[in-house]
C-alpha atoms as a PDB file:
ATOM      1  CA  PRO A   1       0.000   0.000   0.000  1.00  0.00           C
ATOM      2  CA  ALA A   2       2.886   2.426   0.626  1.00  0.00           C
ATOM      3  CA  ALA A   3       4.385   1.847  -2.837  1.00  0.00           C
ATOM      4  CA  LEU A   4       3.842   4.532  -5.450  1.00  0.00           C
ATOM      5  CA  ALA A   5       1.842   3.499  -8.516  1.00  0.00           C
ATOM      6  CA  SER A   6       3.751   2.975 -11.743  1.00  0.00           C
ATOM      7  CA  VAL A   7       2.907   1.707 -15.206  1.00  0.00           C
ATOM      8  CA  SER A   8       4.918   0.244 -18.031  1.00  0.00           C
ATOM      9  CA  VAL A   9       4.322   1.696 -21.507  1.00  0.00           C
ATOM     10  CA  VAL A  10       5.422  -0.506 -24.413  1.00  0.00           C
ATOM     11  CA  ILE A  11       5.618   0.465 -28.079  1.00  0.00           C
ATOM     12  CA  ARG A  12       6.255  -2.356 -30.551  1.00  0.00           C
ATOM     13  CA  ASN A  13       6.967  -2.118 -34.266  1.00  0.00           C
ATOM     14  CA  VAL A  14       4.554  -4.594 -35.844  1.00  0.00           C
ATOM     15  CA  GLY A  15       5.512  -3.508 -39.373  1.00  0.00           C
ATOM     16  CA  GLN A  16       8.004  -4.966 -41.822  1.00  0.00           C
ATOM     17  CA  GLU A  17      10.264  -1.895 -41.949  1.00  0.00           C
ATOM     18  CA  PRO A  18      12.344  -0.183 -39.252  1.00  0.00           C
ATOM     19  CA  ARG A  19      10.618   2.852 -37.702  1.00  0.00           C
ATOM     20  CA  THR A  20      12.407   5.863 -36.269  1.00  0.00           C
ATOM     21  CA  LEU A  21      10.713   7.779 -33.462  1.00  0.00           C
ATOM     22  CA  ILE A  22      11.723  11.249 -32.334  1.00  0.00           C
ATOM     23  CA  VAL A  23      11.651  11.179 -28.537  1.00  0.00           C
ATOM     24  CA  PRO A  24      11.583  14.582 -26.785  1.00  0.00           C
ATOM     25  CA  GLY A  25      13.202  13.526 -23.539  1.00  0.00           C
ATOM     26  CA  TRP A  26      12.335  10.901 -20.956  1.00  0.00           C
ATOM     27  CA  LEU A  27       8.633  11.555 -20.314  1.00  0.00           C
ATOM     28  CA  GLY A  28       8.032  14.267 -22.895  1.00  0.00           C
ATOM     29  CA  PHE A  29       7.188  11.518 -25.374  1.00  0.00           C
ATOM     30  CA  TYR A  30       4.064  10.501 -23.463  1.00  0.00           C
ATOM     31  CA  GLN A  31       0.953  12.323 -22.382  1.00  0.00           C
ATOM     32  CA  PHE A  32      -1.101  10.742 -19.615  1.00  0.00           C
ATOM     33  CA  ASP A  33      -4.775  11.048 -18.881  1.00  0.00           C
ATOM     34  CA  VAL A  34      -5.269   9.976 -15.261  1.00  0.00           C
ATOM     35  CA  ARG A  35      -8.850  10.176 -13.978  1.00  0.00           C
ATOM     36  CA  MET A  36     -10.272  10.088 -10.472  1.00  0.00           C
ATOM     37  CA  PRO A  37     -13.296   7.849  -9.707  1.00  0.00           C
ATOM     38  CA  ASP A  38     -15.659  10.771 -10.430  1.00  0.00           C
ATOM     39  CA  GLY A  39     -14.083  11.255 -13.891  1.00  0.00           C
ATOM     40  CA  SER A  40     -12.188  14.421 -12.994  1.00  0.00           C
ATOM     41  CA  PRO A  41      -8.473  14.664 -13.883  1.00  0.00           C
ATOM     42  CA  ALA A  42      -6.057  13.582 -11.165  1.00  0.00           C
ATOM     43  CA  PRO A  43      -4.050  16.576  -9.933  1.00  0.00           C
ATOM     44  CA  LEU A  44      -0.322  16.766 -10.541  1.00  0.00           C
ATOM     45  CA  THR A  45       2.179  16.481  -7.721  1.00  0.00           C
ATOM     46  CA  PRO A  46       4.854  19.195  -7.350  1.00  0.00           C
ATOM     47  CA  PHE A  47       7.205  16.879  -9.294  1.00  0.00           C
ATOM     48  CA  GLY A  48       4.547  16.453 -12.012  1.00  0.00           C
ATOM     49  CA  ARG A  49       4.130  20.224 -12.311  1.00  0.00           C
ATOM     50  CA  ALA A  50       7.899  20.619 -12.641  1.00  0.00           C
ATOM     51  CA  LEU A  51       8.016  17.959 -15.389  1.00  0.00           C
ATOM     52  CA  ALA A  52       5.279  19.782 -17.298  1.00  0.00           C
ATOM     53  CA  LYS A  53       7.278  23.019 -17.552  1.00  0.00           C
ATOM     54  CA  PRO A  54       8.658  23.548 -21.065  1.00  0.00           C
ATOM     55  CA  GLU A  55      12.055  24.610 -19.711  1.00  0.00           C
ATOM     56  CA  ASN A  56      12.473  21.177 -18.131  1.00  0.00           C
ATOM     57  CA  ARG A  57      12.129  19.337 -21.431  1.00  0.00           C
ATOM     58  CA  LYS A  58      15.203  17.434 -22.582  1.00  0.00           C
ATOM     59  CA  GLU A  59      16.795  17.546 -26.013  1.00  0.00           C
ATOM     60  CA  PRO A  60      15.042  15.239 -28.487  1.00  0.00           C
ATOM     61  CA  SER A  61      16.718  12.037 -29.556  1.00  0.00           C
ATOM     62  CA  SER A  62      15.798   9.385 -32.066  1.00  0.00           C
ATOM     63  CA  VAL A  63      15.007   5.741 -31.389  1.00  0.00           C
ATOM     64  CA  THR A  64      14.848   3.227 -34.227  1.00  0.00           C
ATOM     65  CA  LEU A  65      12.745   0.113 -33.755  1.00  0.00           C
ATOM     66  CA  ALA A  66      13.501  -2.835 -36.011  1.00  0.00           C
ATOM     67  CA  PRO A  67      10.560  -4.953 -37.203  1.00  0.00           C
ATOM     68  CA  GLY A  68       9.193  -6.785 -34.165  1.00  0.00           C
ATOM     69  CA  ALA A  69      11.320  -4.759 -31.725  1.00  0.00           C
ATOM     70  CA  LEU A  70       9.838  -2.954 -28.753  1.00  0.00           C
ATOM     71  CA  ASN A  71      10.642  -0.091 -26.418  1.00  0.00           C
ATOM     72  CA  GLU A  72       9.438  -0.152 -22.816  1.00  0.00           C
ATOM     73  CA  THR A  73       9.307   2.802 -20.434  1.00  0.00           C
ATOM     74  CA  GLU A  74       8.507   2.505 -16.738  1.00  0.00           C
ATOM     75  CA  VAL A  75       6.521   5.585 -15.669  1.00  0.00           C
ATOM     76  CA  PRO A  76       6.236   6.533 -11.976  1.00  0.00           C
ATOM     77  CA  LEU A  77       2.630   7.756 -12.104  1.00  0.00           C
ATOM     78  CA  GLY A  78       2.471   8.046  -8.315  1.00  0.00           C
ATOM     79  CA  SER A  79       5.304  10.578  -8.436  1.00  0.00           C
ATOM     80  CA  ILE A  80       3.637  12.626 -11.192  1.00  0.00           C
ATOM     81  CA  PHE A  81      -0.058  12.465 -10.234  1.00  0.00           C
ATOM     82  CA  ARG A  82      -1.806  12.448  -6.860  1.00  0.00           C
ATOM     83  CA  VAL A  83      -3.197   8.929  -6.958  1.00  0.00           C
ATOM     84  CA  ARG A  84      -4.520   7.512  -3.723  1.00  0.00           C
ATOM     85  CA  PRO A  85      -3.849   3.869  -2.844  1.00  0.00           C
ATOM     86  CA  GLY A  86      -7.055   1.837  -2.764  1.00  0.00           C
ATOM     87  CA  THR A  87      -8.848   4.313  -5.049  1.00  0.00           C
ATOM     88  CA  ARG A  88      -9.669   3.450  -8.662  1.00  0.00           C
ATOM     89  CA  HIS A  89      -7.947   5.644 -11.244  1.00  0.00           C
ATOM     90  CA  ALA A  90      -8.437   5.254 -15.011  1.00  0.00           C
ATOM     91  CA  VAL A  91      -5.211   5.766 -16.978  1.00  0.00           C
ATOM     92  CA  LYS A  92      -4.490   6.189 -20.704  1.00  0.00           C
ATOM     93  CA  ALA A  93      -1.207   7.055 -22.380  1.00  0.00           C
ATOM     94  CA  SER A  94      -0.715   8.605 -25.787  1.00  0.00           C
ATOM     95  CA  SER A  95       2.194   9.851 -27.878  1.00  0.00           C
ATOM     96  CA  GLU A  96       2.957  11.446 -31.230  1.00  0.00           C
ATOM     97  CA  PRO A  97       6.005   9.571 -32.560  1.00  0.00           C
ATOM     98  CA  ALA A  98       5.882  11.300 -35.963  1.00  0.00           C
ATOM     99  CA  ALA A  99       4.068  14.203 -37.579  1.00  0.00           C
ATOM    100  CA  GLY A 100       0.402  13.325 -38.036  1.00  0.00           C
ATOM    101  CA  VAL A 101       0.680  10.028 -36.133  1.00  0.00           C
ATOM    102  CA  THR A 102      -0.916   9.576 -32.708  1.00  0.00           C
ATOM    103  CA  LEU A 103      -0.659   6.385 -30.694  1.00  0.00           C
ATOM    104  CA  GLN A 104      -3.086   5.765 -27.844  1.00  0.00           C
ATOM    105  CA  SER A 105      -2.984   3.007 -25.251  1.00  0.00           C
ATOM    106  CA  ASN A 106      -5.821   0.967 -23.959  1.00  0.00           C
ATOM    107  CA  GLU A 107      -7.286   2.175 -20.675  1.00  0.00           C
ATOM    108  CA  ILE A 108      -6.065   0.542 -17.492  1.00  0.00           C
ATOM    109  CA  VAL A 109      -7.433   0.914 -13.986  1.00  0.00           C
ATOM    110  CA  LEU A 110      -5.217   1.413 -10.957  1.00  0.00           C
ATOM    111  CA  SER A 111      -6.790   0.543  -7.637  1.00  0.00           C
END
């Protein structure tokens, strides 16, 4: 119960060609929609607010995924959002790995 919530986000190249993603820093690549039980957005922690500031963004880098390869990122949601243990929170992740391309995860529930 004292552990902070975290999720693992995995992107896999299911195509036949290598794909290059432009990654704007560690968590700048992902946007998270974390909802409270009443449907309202979960508030950010002080750390989450600091991450959201444009001046704290890292330099972009590129990641190339070979066909069938994957990239996994562990995200410390409990450090970024105020999520209460024992309370259900709906979570979705999305990213824009290339111009005009948006990837969206399935919804998971933290409780």
